[in-house]
Amino acid sequence: MKELAQHVFDYLLESPLITLGVALIAGFAASKTAAAERRSGVISWLLVGMTGLFLSQFVILVSGLQEYFDSLPQFRILFDVIAAYVGAFFVAALIHFIRPL
């Protein structure tokens, strides 16, 4: 488990600006989808997005989809955004479920 988490951290730290951009986009979209009425800021979008991005990359690595995504490098950022959105949506929904409006 520890090696998988380290592998995900290494992947995310290869290009930190792209990672932050993907996390911000995913966190914004997930926060607006899960809790449309709640006003949140850039910091919360970034935290939700980074958590979702980490979880989604972990699931991709565990499920064995990493090899498939590596065979299509031109779509890697698109796959990262979609996966990060799904992960961030679950995180934002969990936050909204625990602390509703």
PDB file of N, CA and C in Angstrom:
ATOM      1  N   MET A   1       0.820  -1.181   0.000  1.00  0.00           N
ATOM      2  CA  MET A   1       0.000   0.000   0.000  1.00  0.00           C
ATOM      3  C   MET A   1       0.874   1.260   0.000  1.00  0.00           C
ATOM      4  N   LYS A   2       1.916   1.217   0.813  1.00  0.00           N
ATOM      5  CA  LYS A   2       2.788   2.374   0.928  1.00  0.00           C
ATOM      6  C   LYS A   2       3.516   2.657  -0.390  1.00  0.00           C
ATOM      7  N   GLU A   3       3.918   1.581  -1.086  1.00  0.00           N
ATOM      8  CA  GLU A   3       4.615   1.754  -2.361  1.00  0.00           C
ATOM      9  C   GLU A   3       3.674   2.332  -3.413  1.00  0.00           C
ATOM     10  N   LEU A   4       2.396   1.910  -3.391  1.00  0.00           N
ATOM     11  CA  LEU A   4       1.427   2.448  -4.336  1.00  0.00           C
ATOM     12  C   LEU A   4       1.184   3.932  -4.097  1.00  0.00           C
ATOM     13  N   ALA A   5       1.061   4.300  -2.834  1.00  0.00           N
ATOM     14  CA  ALA A   5       0.876   5.712  -2.504  1.00  0.00           C
ATOM     15  C   ALA A   5       2.099   6.529  -2.912  1.00  0.00           C
ATOM     16  N   GLN A   6       3.293   5.989  -2.715  1.00  0.00           N
ATOM     17  CA  GLN A   6       4.503   6.691  -3.122  1.00  0.00           C
ATOM     18  C   GLN A   6       4.562   6.835  -4.640  1.00  0.00           C
ATOM     19  N   HIS A   7       4.118   5.818  -5.355  1.00  0.00           N
ATOM     20  CA  HIS A   7       4.093   5.873  -6.821  1.00  0.00           C
ATOM     21  C   HIS A   7       3.130   6.973  -7.296  1.00  0.00           C
ATOM     22  N   VAL A   8       1.975   7.086  -6.632  1.00  0.00           N
ATOM     23  CA  VAL A   8       1.015   8.131  -6.986  1.00  0.00           C
ATOM     24  C   VAL A   8       1.601   9.510  -6.695  1.00  0.00           C
ATOM     25  N   PHE A   9       2.258   9.678  -5.541  1.00  0.00           N
ATOM     26  CA  PHE A   9       2.895  10.954  -5.218  1.00  0.00           C
ATOM     27  C   PHE A   9       3.959  11.311  -6.244  1.00  0.00           C
ATOM     28  N   ASP A  10       4.755  10.340  -6.640  1.00  0.00           N
ATOM     29  CA  ASP A  10       5.784  10.592  -7.644  1.00  0.00           C
ATOM     30  C   ASP A  10       5.173  11.025  -8.974  1.00  0.00           C
ATOM     31  N   TYR A  11       4.073  10.373  -9.358  1.00  0.00           N
ATOM     32  CA  TYR A  11       3.404  10.745 -10.605  1.00  0.00           C
ATOM     33  C   TYR A  11       2.869  12.177 -10.531  1.00  0.00           C
ATOM     34  N   LEU A  12       2.263  12.541  -9.394  1.00  0.00           N
ATOM     35  CA  LEU A  12       1.686  13.873  -9.257  1.00  0.00           C
ATOM     36  C   LEU A  12       2.749  14.957  -9.169  1.00  0.00           C
ATOM     37  N   LEU A  13       3.925  14.612  -8.665  1.00  0.00           N
ATOM     38  CA  LEU A  13       4.989  15.602  -8.529  1.00  0.00           C
ATOM     39  C   LEU A  13       5.862  15.728  -9.773  1.00  0.00           C
ATOM     40  N   GLU A  14       5.591  14.919 -10.814  1.00  0.00           N
ATOM     41  CA  GLU A  14       6.348  15.061 -12.058  1.00  0.00           C
ATOM     42  C   GLU A  14       6.123  16.422 -12.690  1.00  0.00           C
ATOM     43  N   SER A  15       4.901  16.904 -12.661  1.00  0.00           N
ATOM     44  CA  SER A  15       4.574  18.226 -13.205  1.00  0.00           C
ATOM     45  C   SER A  15       3.601  18.920 -12.249  1.00  0.00           C
ATOM     46  N   PRO A  16       4.135  19.653 -11.291  1.00  0.00           N
ATOM     47  CA  PRO A  16       3.277  20.221 -10.246  1.00  0.00           C
ATOM     48  C   PRO A  16       2.283  21.272 -10.752  1.00  0.00           C
ATOM     49  N   LEU A  17       2.634  22.037 -11.777  1.00  0.00           N
ATOM     50  CA  LEU A  17       1.696  23.045 -12.270  1.00  0.00           C
ATOM     51  C   LEU A  17       0.483  22.401 -12.945  1.00  0.00           C
ATOM     52  N   ILE A  18       0.720  21.357 -13.712  1.00  0.00           N
ATOM     53  CA  ILE A  18      -0.392  20.651 -14.337  1.00  0.00           C
ATOM     54  C   ILE A  18      -1.244  19.975 -13.269  1.00  0.00           C
ATOM     55  N   THR A  19      -0.607  19.415 -12.261  1.00  0.00           N
ATOM     56  CA  THR A  19      -1.336  18.774 -11.169  1.00  0.00           C
ATOM     57  C   THR A  19      -2.219  19.778 -10.446  1.00  0.00           C
ATOM     58  N   LEU A  20      -1.691  20.966 -10.164  1.00  0.00           N
ATOM     59  CA  LEU A  20      -2.488  21.997  -9.489  1.00  0.00           C
ATOM     60  C   LEU A  20      -3.629  22.471 -10.371  1.00  0.00           C
ATOM     61  N   GLY A  21      -3.377  22.624 -11.658  1.00  0.00           N
ATOM     62  CA  GLY A  21      -4.434  23.044 -12.576  1.00  0.00           C
ATOM     63  C   GLY A  21      -5.547  22.020 -12.678  1.00  0.00           C
ATOM     64  N   VAL A  22      -5.175  20.766 -12.820  1.00  0.00           N
ATOM     65  CA  VAL A  22      -6.178  19.692 -12.897  1.00  0.00           C
ATOM     66  C   VAL A  22      -6.962  19.617 -11.588  1.00  0.00           C
ATOM     67  N   ALA A  23      -6.278  19.725 -10.466  1.00  0.00           N
ATOM     68  CA  ALA A  23      -6.954  19.664  -9.163  1.00  0.00           C
ATOM     69  C   ALA A  23      -7.901  20.847  -8.974  1.00  0.00           C
ATOM     70  N   LEU A  24      -7.496  22.023  -9.411  1.00  0.00           N
ATOM     71  CA  LEU A  24      -8.346  23.196  -9.269  1.00  0.00           C
ATOM     72  C   LEU A  24      -9.597  23.083 -10.132  1.00  0.00           C
ATOM     73  N   ILE A  25      -9.437  22.633 -11.363  1.00  0.00           N
ATOM     74  CA  ILE A  25     -10.587  22.459 -12.255  1.00  0.00           C
ATOM     75  C   ILE A  25     -11.535  21.391 -11.707  1.00  0.00           C
ATOM     76  N   ALA A  26     -10.975  20.269 -11.294  1.00  0.00           N
ATOM     77  CA  ALA A  26     -11.807  19.181 -10.776  1.00  0.00           C
ATOM     78  C   ALA A  26     -12.488  19.584  -9.468  1.00  0.00           C
ATOM     79  N   GLY A  27     -11.774  20.244  -8.596  1.00  0.00           N
ATOM     80  CA  GLY A  27     -12.356  20.681  -7.324  1.00  0.00           C
ATOM     81  C   GLY A  27     -13.464  21.696  -7.519  1.00  0.00           C
ATOM     82  N   PHE A  28     -13.276  22.637  -8.446  1.00  0.00           N
ATOM     83  CA  PHE A  28     -14.308  23.625  -8.744  1.00  0.00           C
ATOM     84  C   PHE A  28     -15.562  22.947  -9.288  1.00  0.00           C
ATOM     85  N   ALA A  29     -15.379  22.086 -10.297  1.00  0.00           N
ATOM     86  CA  ALA A  29     -16.524  21.420 -10.916  1.00  0.00           C
ATOM     87  C   ALA A  29     -17.243  20.510  -9.930  1.00  0.00           C
ATOM     88  N   ALA A  30     -16.492  19.780  -9.136  1.00  0.00           N
ATOM     89  CA  ALA A  30     -17.113  18.865  -8.167  1.00  0.00           C
ATOM     90  C   ALA A  30     -17.828  19.628  -7.067  1.00  0.00           C
ATOM     91  N   SER A  31     -17.249  20.707  -6.582  1.00  0.00           N
ATOM     92  CA  SER A  31     -17.900  21.491  -5.534  1.00  0.00           C
ATOM     93  C   SER A  31     -19.188  22.120  -6.036  1.00  0.00           C
ATOM     94  N   LYS A  32     -19.177  22.591  -7.259  1.00  0.00           N
ATOM     95  CA  LYS A  32     -20.381  23.193  -7.822  1.00  0.00           C
ATOM     96  C   LYS A  32     -21.446  22.144  -8.140  1.00  0.00           C
ATOM     97  N   THR A  33     -21.028  20.937  -8.463  1.00  0.00           N
ATOM     98  CA  THR A  33     -21.986  19.879  -8.771  1.00  0.00           C
ATOM     99  C   THR A  33     -22.584  19.289  -7.507  1.00  0.00           C
ATOM    100  N   ALA A  34     -21.767  19.041  -6.513  1.00  0.00           N
ATOM    101  CA  ALA A  34     -22.239  18.374  -5.296  1.00  0.00           C
ATOM    102  C   ALA A  34     -23.036  19.315  -4.394  1.00  0.00           C
ATOM    103  N   ALA A  35     -22.628  20.550  -4.294  1.00  0.00           N
ATOM    104  CA  ALA A  35     -23.303  21.511  -3.420  1.00  0.00           C
ATOM    105  C   ALA A  35     -23.410  22.839  -4.161  1.00  0.00           C
ATOM    106  N   ALA A  36     -24.430  22.983  -4.976  1.00  0.00           N
ATOM    107  CA  ALA A  36     -24.559  24.153  -5.842  1.00  0.00           C
ATOM    108  C   ALA A  36     -24.810  25.438  -5.053  1.00  0.00           C
ATOM    109  N   GLU A  37     -25.461  25.354  -3.923  1.00  0.00           N
ATOM    110  CA  GLU A  37     -25.804  26.545  -3.157  1.00  0.00           C
ATOM    111  C   GLU A  37     -24.663  27.055  -2.284  1.00  0.00           C
ATOM    112  N   ARG A  38     -23.772  26.179  -1.946  1.00  0.00           N
ATOM    113  CA  ARG A  38     -22.714  26.542  -1.010  1.00  0.00           C
ATOM    114  C   ARG A  38     -21.621  27.347  -1.693  1.00  0.00           C
ATOM    115  N   ARG A  39     -21.203  28.397  -1.072  1.00  0.00           N
ATOM    116  CA  ARG A  39     -20.115  29.216  -1.605  1.00  0.00           C
ATOM    117  C   ARG A  39     -18.797  28.733  -0.990  1.00  0.00           C
ATOM    118  N   SER A  40     -17.891  28.409  -1.849  1.00  0.00           N
ATOM    119  CA  SER A  40     -16.585  27.962  -1.367  1.00  0.00           C
ATOM    120  C   SER A  40     -15.513  28.704  -2.155  1.00  0.00           C
ATOM    121  N   GLY A  41     -14.318  28.685  -1.623  1.00  0.00           N
ATOM    122  CA  GLY A  41     -13.242  29.436  -2.231  1.00  0.00           C
ATOM    123  C   GLY A  41     -12.223  28.554  -2.926  1.00  0.00           C
ATOM    124  N   VAL A  42     -11.201  29.215  -3.401  1.00  0.00           N
ATOM    125  CA  VAL A  42     -10.161  28.547  -4.171  1.00  0.00           C
ATOM    126  C   VAL A  42      -9.429  27.510  -3.332  1.00  0.00           C
ATOM    127  N   ILE A  43      -9.205  27.794  -2.071  1.00  0.00           N
ATOM    128  CA  ILE A  43      -8.496  26.858  -1.201  1.00  0.00           C
ATOM    129  C   ILE A  43      -9.293  25.564  -1.044  1.00  0.00           C
ATOM    130  N   SER A  44     -10.596  25.669  -0.823  1.00  0.00           N
ATOM    131  CA  SER A  44     -11.401  24.451  -0.676  1.00  0.00           C
ATOM    132  C   SER A  44     -11.496  23.696  -1.997  1.00  0.00           C
ATOM    133  N   TRP A  45     -11.573  24.412  -3.124  1.00  0.00           N
ATOM    134  CA  TRP A  45     -11.575  23.736  -4.427  1.00  0.00           C
ATOM    135  C   TRP A  45     -10.284  22.967  -4.625  1.00  0.00           C
ATOM    136  N   LEU A  46      -9.179  23.594  -4.239  1.00  0.00           N
ATOM    137  CA  LEU A  46      -7.878  22.954  -4.405  1.00  0.00           C
ATOM    138  C   LEU A  46      -7.743  21.737  -3.490  1.00  0.00           C
ATOM    139  N   LEU A  47      -8.209  21.830  -2.261  1.00  0.00           N
ATOM    140  CA  LEU A  47      -8.138  20.686  -1.345  1.00  0.00           C
ATOM    141  C   LEU A  47      -9.020  19.532  -1.810  1.00  0.00           C
ATOM    142  N   VAL A  48     -10.239  19.843  -2.227  1.00  0.00           N
ATOM    143  CA  VAL A  48     -11.139  18.799  -2.736  1.00  0.00           C
ATOM    144  C   VAL A  48     -10.559  18.195  -4.003  1.00  0.00           C
ATOM    145  N   GLY A  49     -10.032  19.033  -4.890  1.00  0.00           N
ATOM    146  CA  GLY A  49      -9.459  18.550  -6.140  1.00  0.00           C
ATOM    147  C   GLY A  49      -8.217  17.705  -5.937  1.00  0.00           C
ATOM    148  N   MET A  50      -7.332  18.116  -5.047  1.00  0.00           N
ATOM    149  CA  MET A  50      -6.110  17.332  -4.793  1.00  0.00           C
ATOM    150  C   MET A  50      -6.447  15.990  -4.156  1.00  0.00           C
ATOM    151  N   THR A  51      -7.401  15.994  -3.233  1.00  0.00           N
ATOM    152  CA  THR A  51      -7.816  14.733  -2.615  1.00  0.00           C
ATOM    153  C   THR A  51      -8.444  13.810  -3.649  1.00  0.00           C
ATOM    154  N   GLY A  52      -9.317  14.365  -4.480  1.00  0.00           N
ATOM    155  CA  GLY A  52      -9.936  13.574  -5.530  1.00  0.00           C
ATOM    156  C   GLY A  52      -8.945  13.080  -6.559  1.00  0.00           C
ATOM    157  N   LEU A  53      -7.969  13.919  -6.907  1.00  0.00           N
ATOM    158  CA  LEU A  53      -6.936  13.523  -7.872  1.00  0.00           C
ATOM    159  C   LEU A  53      -6.080  12.392  -7.310  1.00  0.00           C
ATOM    160  N   PHE A  54      -5.696  12.508  -6.046  1.00  0.00           N
ATOM    161  CA  PHE A  54      -4.903  11.442  -5.433  1.00  0.00           C
ATOM    162  C   PHE A  54      -5.686  10.133  -5.376  1.00  0.00           C
ATOM    163  N   LEU A  55      -6.943  10.208  -4.932  1.00  0.00           N
ATOM    164  CA  LEU A  55      -7.760   8.996  -4.842  1.00  0.00           C
ATOM    165  C   LEU A  55      -7.990   8.362  -6.211  1.00  0.00           C
ATOM    166  N   SER A  56      -8.251   9.181  -7.203  1.00  0.00           N
ATOM    167  CA  SER A  56      -8.503   8.634  -8.535  1.00  0.00           C
ATOM    168  C   SER A  56      -7.240   8.006  -9.127  1.00  0.00           C
ATOM    169  N   GLN A  57      -6.089   8.624  -8.934  1.00  0.00           N
ATOM    170  CA  GLN A  57      -4.848   8.040  -9.435  1.00  0.00           C
ATOM    171  C   GLN A  57      -4.518   6.750  -8.693  1.00  0.00           C
ATOM    172  N   PHE A  58      -4.841   6.703  -7.426  1.00  0.00           N
ATOM    173  CA  PHE A  58      -4.625   5.483  -6.650  1.00  0.00           C
ATOM    174  C   PHE A  58      -5.503   4.354  -7.182  1.00  0.00           C
ATOM    175  N   VAL A  59      -6.781   4.657  -7.461  1.00  0.00           N
ATOM    176  CA  VAL A  59      -7.698   3.643  -7.992  1.00  0.00           C
ATOM    177  C   VAL A  59      -7.258   3.199  -9.383  1.00  0.00           C
ATOM    178  N   ILE A  60      -6.797   4.133 -10.203  1.00  0.00           N
ATOM    179  CA  ILE A  60      -6.304   3.780 -11.539  1.00  0.00           C
ATOM    180  C   ILE A  60      -5.109   2.848 -11.437  1.00  0.00           C
ATOM    181  N   LEU A  61      -4.220   3.120 -10.520  1.00  0.00           N
ATOM    182  CA  LEU A  61      -3.036   2.282 -10.348  1.00  0.00           C
ATOM    183  C   LEU A  61      -3.410   0.898  -9.821  1.00  0.00           C
ATOM    184  N   VAL A  62      -4.295   0.832  -8.850  1.00  0.00           N
ATOM    185  CA  VAL A  62      -4.689  -0.448  -8.267  1.00  0.00           C
ATOM    186  C   VAL A  62      -5.477  -1.297  -9.266  1.00  0.00           C
ATOM    187  N   SER A  63      -6.325  -0.659 -10.065  1.00  0.00           N
ATOM    188  CA  SER A  63      -7.171  -1.409 -10.993  1.00  0.00           C
ATOM    189  C   SER A  63      -6.437  -1.878 -12.245  1.00  0.00           C
ATOM    190  N   GLY A  64      -5.229  -1.391 -12.468  1.00  0.00           N
ATOM    191  CA  GLY A  64      -4.457  -1.824 -13.621  1.00  0.00           C
ATOM    192  C   GLY A  64      -4.725  -1.027 -14.883  1.00  0.00           C
ATOM    193  N   LEU A  65      -5.430   0.081 -14.787  1.00  0.00           N
ATOM    194  CA  LEU A  65      -5.689   0.913 -15.960  1.00  0.00           C
ATOM    195  C   LEU A  65      -4.507   1.789 -16.351  1.00  0.00           C
ATOM    196  N   GLN A  66      -3.497   1.828 -15.524  1.00  0.00           N
ATOM    197  CA  GLN A  66      -2.315   2.663 -15.786  1.00  0.00           C
ATOM    198  C   GLN A  66      -1.658   2.295 -17.118  1.00  0.00           C
ATOM    199  N   GLU A  67      -1.551   1.012 -17.404  1.00  0.00           N
ATOM    200  CA  GLU A  67      -0.924   0.572 -18.657  1.00  0.00           C
ATOM    201  C   GLU A  67      -1.733   1.033 -19.858  1.00  0.00           C
ATOM    202  N   TYR A  68      -3.054   0.990 -19.752  1.00  0.00           N
ATOM    203  CA  TYR A  68      -3.909   1.436 -20.852  1.00  0.00           C
ATOM    204  C   TYR A  68      -3.747   2.934 -21.078  1.00  0.00           C
ATOM    205  N   PHE A  69      -3.726   3.707 -19.997  1.00  0.00           N
ATOM    206  CA  PHE A  69      -3.576   5.153 -20.132  1.00  0.00           C
ATOM    207  C   PHE A  69      -2.195   5.534 -20.646  1.00  0.00           C
ATOM    208  N   ASP A  70      -1.190   4.766 -20.277  1.00  0.00           N
ATOM    209  CA  ASP A  70       0.161   5.041 -20.763  1.00  0.00           C
ATOM    210  C   ASP A  70       0.291   4.779 -22.257  1.00  0.00           C
ATOM    211  N   SER A  71      -0.573   3.931 -22.812  1.00  0.00           N
ATOM    212  CA  SER A  71      -0.522   3.666 -24.246  1.00  0.00           C
ATOM    213  C   SER A  71      -1.147   4.802 -25.056  1.00  0.00           C
ATOM    214  N   LEU A  72      -1.856   5.712 -24.402  1.00  0.00           N
ATOM    215  CA  LEU A  72      -2.466   6.872 -25.058  1.00  0.00           C
ATOM    216  C   LEU A  72      -1.961   8.169 -24.418  1.00  0.00           C
ATOM    217  N   PRO A  73      -0.695   8.519 -24.596  1.00  0.00           N
ATOM    218  CA  PRO A  73      -0.156   9.678 -23.879  1.00  0.00           C
ATOM    219  C   PRO A  73      -0.763  11.015 -24.302  1.00  0.00           C
ATOM    220  N   GLN A  74      -1.298  11.108 -25.518  1.00  0.00           N
ATOM    221  CA  GLN A  74      -1.857  12.371 -25.969  1.00  0.00           C
ATOM    222  C   GLN A  74      -3.165  12.717 -25.246  1.00  0.00           C
ATOM    223  N   PHE A  75      -3.805  11.738 -24.626  1.00  0.00           N
ATOM    224  CA  PHE A  75      -5.047  11.974 -23.895  1.00  0.00           C
ATOM    225  C   PHE A  75      -4.871  11.894 -22.385  1.00  0.00           C
ATOM    226  N   ARG A  76      -3.657  11.854 -21.912  1.00  0.00           N
ATOM    227  CA  ARG A  76      -3.404  11.633 -20.485  1.00  0.00           C
ATOM    228  C   ARG A  76      -3.989  12.748 -19.614  1.00  0.00           C
ATOM    229  N   ILE A  77      -3.858  14.002 -20.028  1.00  0.00           N
ATOM    230  CA  ILE A  77      -4.394  15.102 -19.219  1.00  0.00           C
ATOM    231  C   ILE A  77      -5.922  15.033 -19.188  1.00  0.00           C
ATOM    232  N   LEU A  78      -6.531  14.680 -20.309  1.00  0.00           N
ATOM    233  CA  LEU A  78      -7.982  14.530 -20.343  1.00  0.00           C
ATOM    234  C   LEU A  78      -8.432  13.421 -19.398  1.00  0.00           C
ATOM    235  N   PHE A  79      -7.736  12.287 -19.416  1.00  0.00           N
ATOM    236  CA  PHE A  79      -8.060  11.198 -18.501  1.00  0.00           C
ATOM    237  C   PHE A  79      -7.864  11.633 -17.053  1.00  0.00           C
ATOM    238  N   ASP A  80      -6.818  12.405 -16.795  1.00  0.00           N
ATOM    239  CA  ASP A  80      -6.568  12.885 -15.437  1.00  0.00           C
ATOM    240  C   ASP A  80      -7.683  13.816 -14.963  1.00  0.00           C
ATOM    241  N   VAL A  81      -8.151  14.699 -15.837  1.00  0.00           N
ATOM    242  CA  VAL A  81      -9.222  15.628 -15.461  1.00  0.00           C
ATOM    243  C   VAL A  81     -10.506  14.866 -15.170  1.00  0.00           C
ATOM    244  N   ILE A  82     -10.845  13.911 -16.025  1.00  0.00           N
ATOM    245  CA  ILE A  82     -12.072  13.139 -15.815  1.00  0.00           C
ATOM    246  C   ILE A  82     -11.984  12.315 -14.533  1.00  0.00           C
ATOM    247  N   ALA A  83     -10.860  11.640 -14.342  1.00  0.00           N
ATOM    248  CA  ALA A  83     -10.692  10.826 -13.135  1.00  0.00           C
ATOM    249  C   ALA A  83     -10.672  11.707 -11.886  1.00  0.00           C
ATOM    250  N   ALA A  84     -10.002  12.852 -11.961  1.00  0.00           N
ATOM    251  CA  ALA A  84      -9.946  13.754 -10.815  1.00  0.00           C
ATOM    252  C   ALA A  84     -11.329  14.309 -10.488  1.00  0.00           C
ATOM    253  N   TYR A  85     -12.121  14.582 -11.519  1.00  0.00           N
ATOM    254  CA  TYR A  85     -13.480  15.069 -11.273  1.00  0.00           C
ATOM    255  C   TYR A  85     -14.310  14.013 -10.549  1.00  0.00           C
ATOM    256  N   VAL A  86     -14.219  12.778 -10.990  1.00  0.00           N
ATOM    257  CA  VAL A  86     -14.990  11.713 -10.346  1.00  0.00           C
ATOM    258  C   VAL A  86     -14.561  11.560  -8.885  1.00  0.00           C
ATOM    259  N   GLY A  87     -13.252  11.542  -8.643  1.00  0.00           N
ATOM    260  CA  GLY A  87     -12.765  11.435  -7.272  1.00  0.00           C
ATOM    261  C   GLY A  87     -13.150  12.638  -6.428  1.00  0.00           C
ATOM    262  N   ALA A  88     -13.030  13.836  -7.002  1.00  0.00           N
ATOM    263  CA  ALA A  88     -13.369  15.050  -6.266  1.00  0.00           C
ATOM    264  C   ALA A  88     -14.868  15.145  -6.015  1.00  0.00           C
ATOM    265  N   PHE A  89     -15.666  14.626  -6.952  1.00  0.00           N
ATOM    266  CA  PHE A  89     -17.113  14.620  -6.732  1.00  0.00           C
ATOM    267  C   PHE A  89     -17.468  13.784  -5.512  1.00  0.00           C
ATOM    268  N   PHE A  90     -16.838  12.616  -5.377  1.00  0.00           N
ATOM    269  CA  PHE A  90     -17.107  11.779  -4.206  1.00  0.00           C
ATOM    270  C   PHE A  90     -16.654  12.465  -2.920  1.00  0.00           C
ATOM    271  N   VAL A  91     -15.524  13.151  -2.974  1.00  0.00           N
ATOM    272  CA  VAL A  91     -15.046  13.871  -1.785  1.00  0.00           C
ATOM    273  C   VAL A  91     -15.991  15.015  -1.445  1.00  0.00           C
ATOM    274  N   ALA A  92     -16.405  15.801  -2.450  1.00  0.00           N
ATOM    275  CA  ALA A  92     -17.306  16.931  -2.211  1.00  0.00           C
ATOM    276  C   ALA A  92     -18.670  16.450  -1.735  1.00  0.00           C
ATOM    277  N   ALA A  93     -19.152  15.345  -2.289  1.00  0.00           N
ATOM    278  CA  ALA A  93     -20.436  14.801  -1.851  1.00  0.00           C
ATOM    279  C   ALA A  93     -20.348  14.304  -0.410  1.00  0.00           C
ATOM    280  N   LEU A  94     -19.232  13.694  -0.057  1.00  0.00           N
ATOM    281  CA  LEU A  94     -19.039  13.241   1.320  1.00  0.00           C
ATOM    282  C   LEU A  94     -18.995  14.427   2.271  1.00  0.00           C
ATOM    283  N   ILE A  95     -18.294  15.480   1.887  1.00  0.00           N
ATOM    284  CA  ILE A  95     -18.246  16.688   2.717  1.00  0.00           C
ATOM    285  C   ILE A  95     -19.634  17.291   2.853  1.00  0.00           C
ATOM    286  N   HIS A  96     -20.367  17.345   1.757  1.00  0.00           N
ATOM    287  CA  HIS A  96     -21.722  17.897   1.802  1.00  0.00           C
ATOM    288  C   HIS A  96     -22.657  17.009   2.622  1.00  0.00           C
ATOM    289  N   PHE A  97     -22.458  15.706   2.568  1.00  0.00           N
ATOM    290  CA  PHE A  97     -23.270  14.788   3.347  1.00  0.00           C
ATOM    291  C   PHE A  97     -22.993  14.947   4.846  1.00  0.00           C
ATOM    292  N   ILE A  98     -21.731  15.112   5.197  1.00  0.00           N
ATOM    293  CA  ILE A  98     -21.367  15.263   6.609  1.00  0.00           C
ATOM    294  C   ILE A  98     -21.796  16.625   7.136  1.00  0.00           C
ATOM    295  N   ARG A  99     -21.572  17.665   6.343  1.00  0.00           N
ATOM    296  CA  ARG A  99     -21.894  19.023   6.758  1.00  0.00           C
ATOM    297  C   ARG A  99     -22.786  19.670   5.698  1.00  0.00           C
ATOM    298  N   PRO A 100     -24.089  19.408   5.737  1.00  0.00           N
ATOM    299  CA  PRO A 100     -24.977  19.975   4.712  1.00  0.00           C
ATOM    300  C   PRO A 100     -25.130  21.479   4.867  1.00  0.00           C
ATOM    301  N   LEU A 101     -25.791  22.075   3.874  1.00  0.00           N
ATOM    302  CA  LEU A 101     -26.003  23.526   3.891  1.00  0.00           C
ATOM    303  C   LEU A 101     -26.697  23.920   5.120  1.00  0.00           C
TER     304      LEU A 101
END
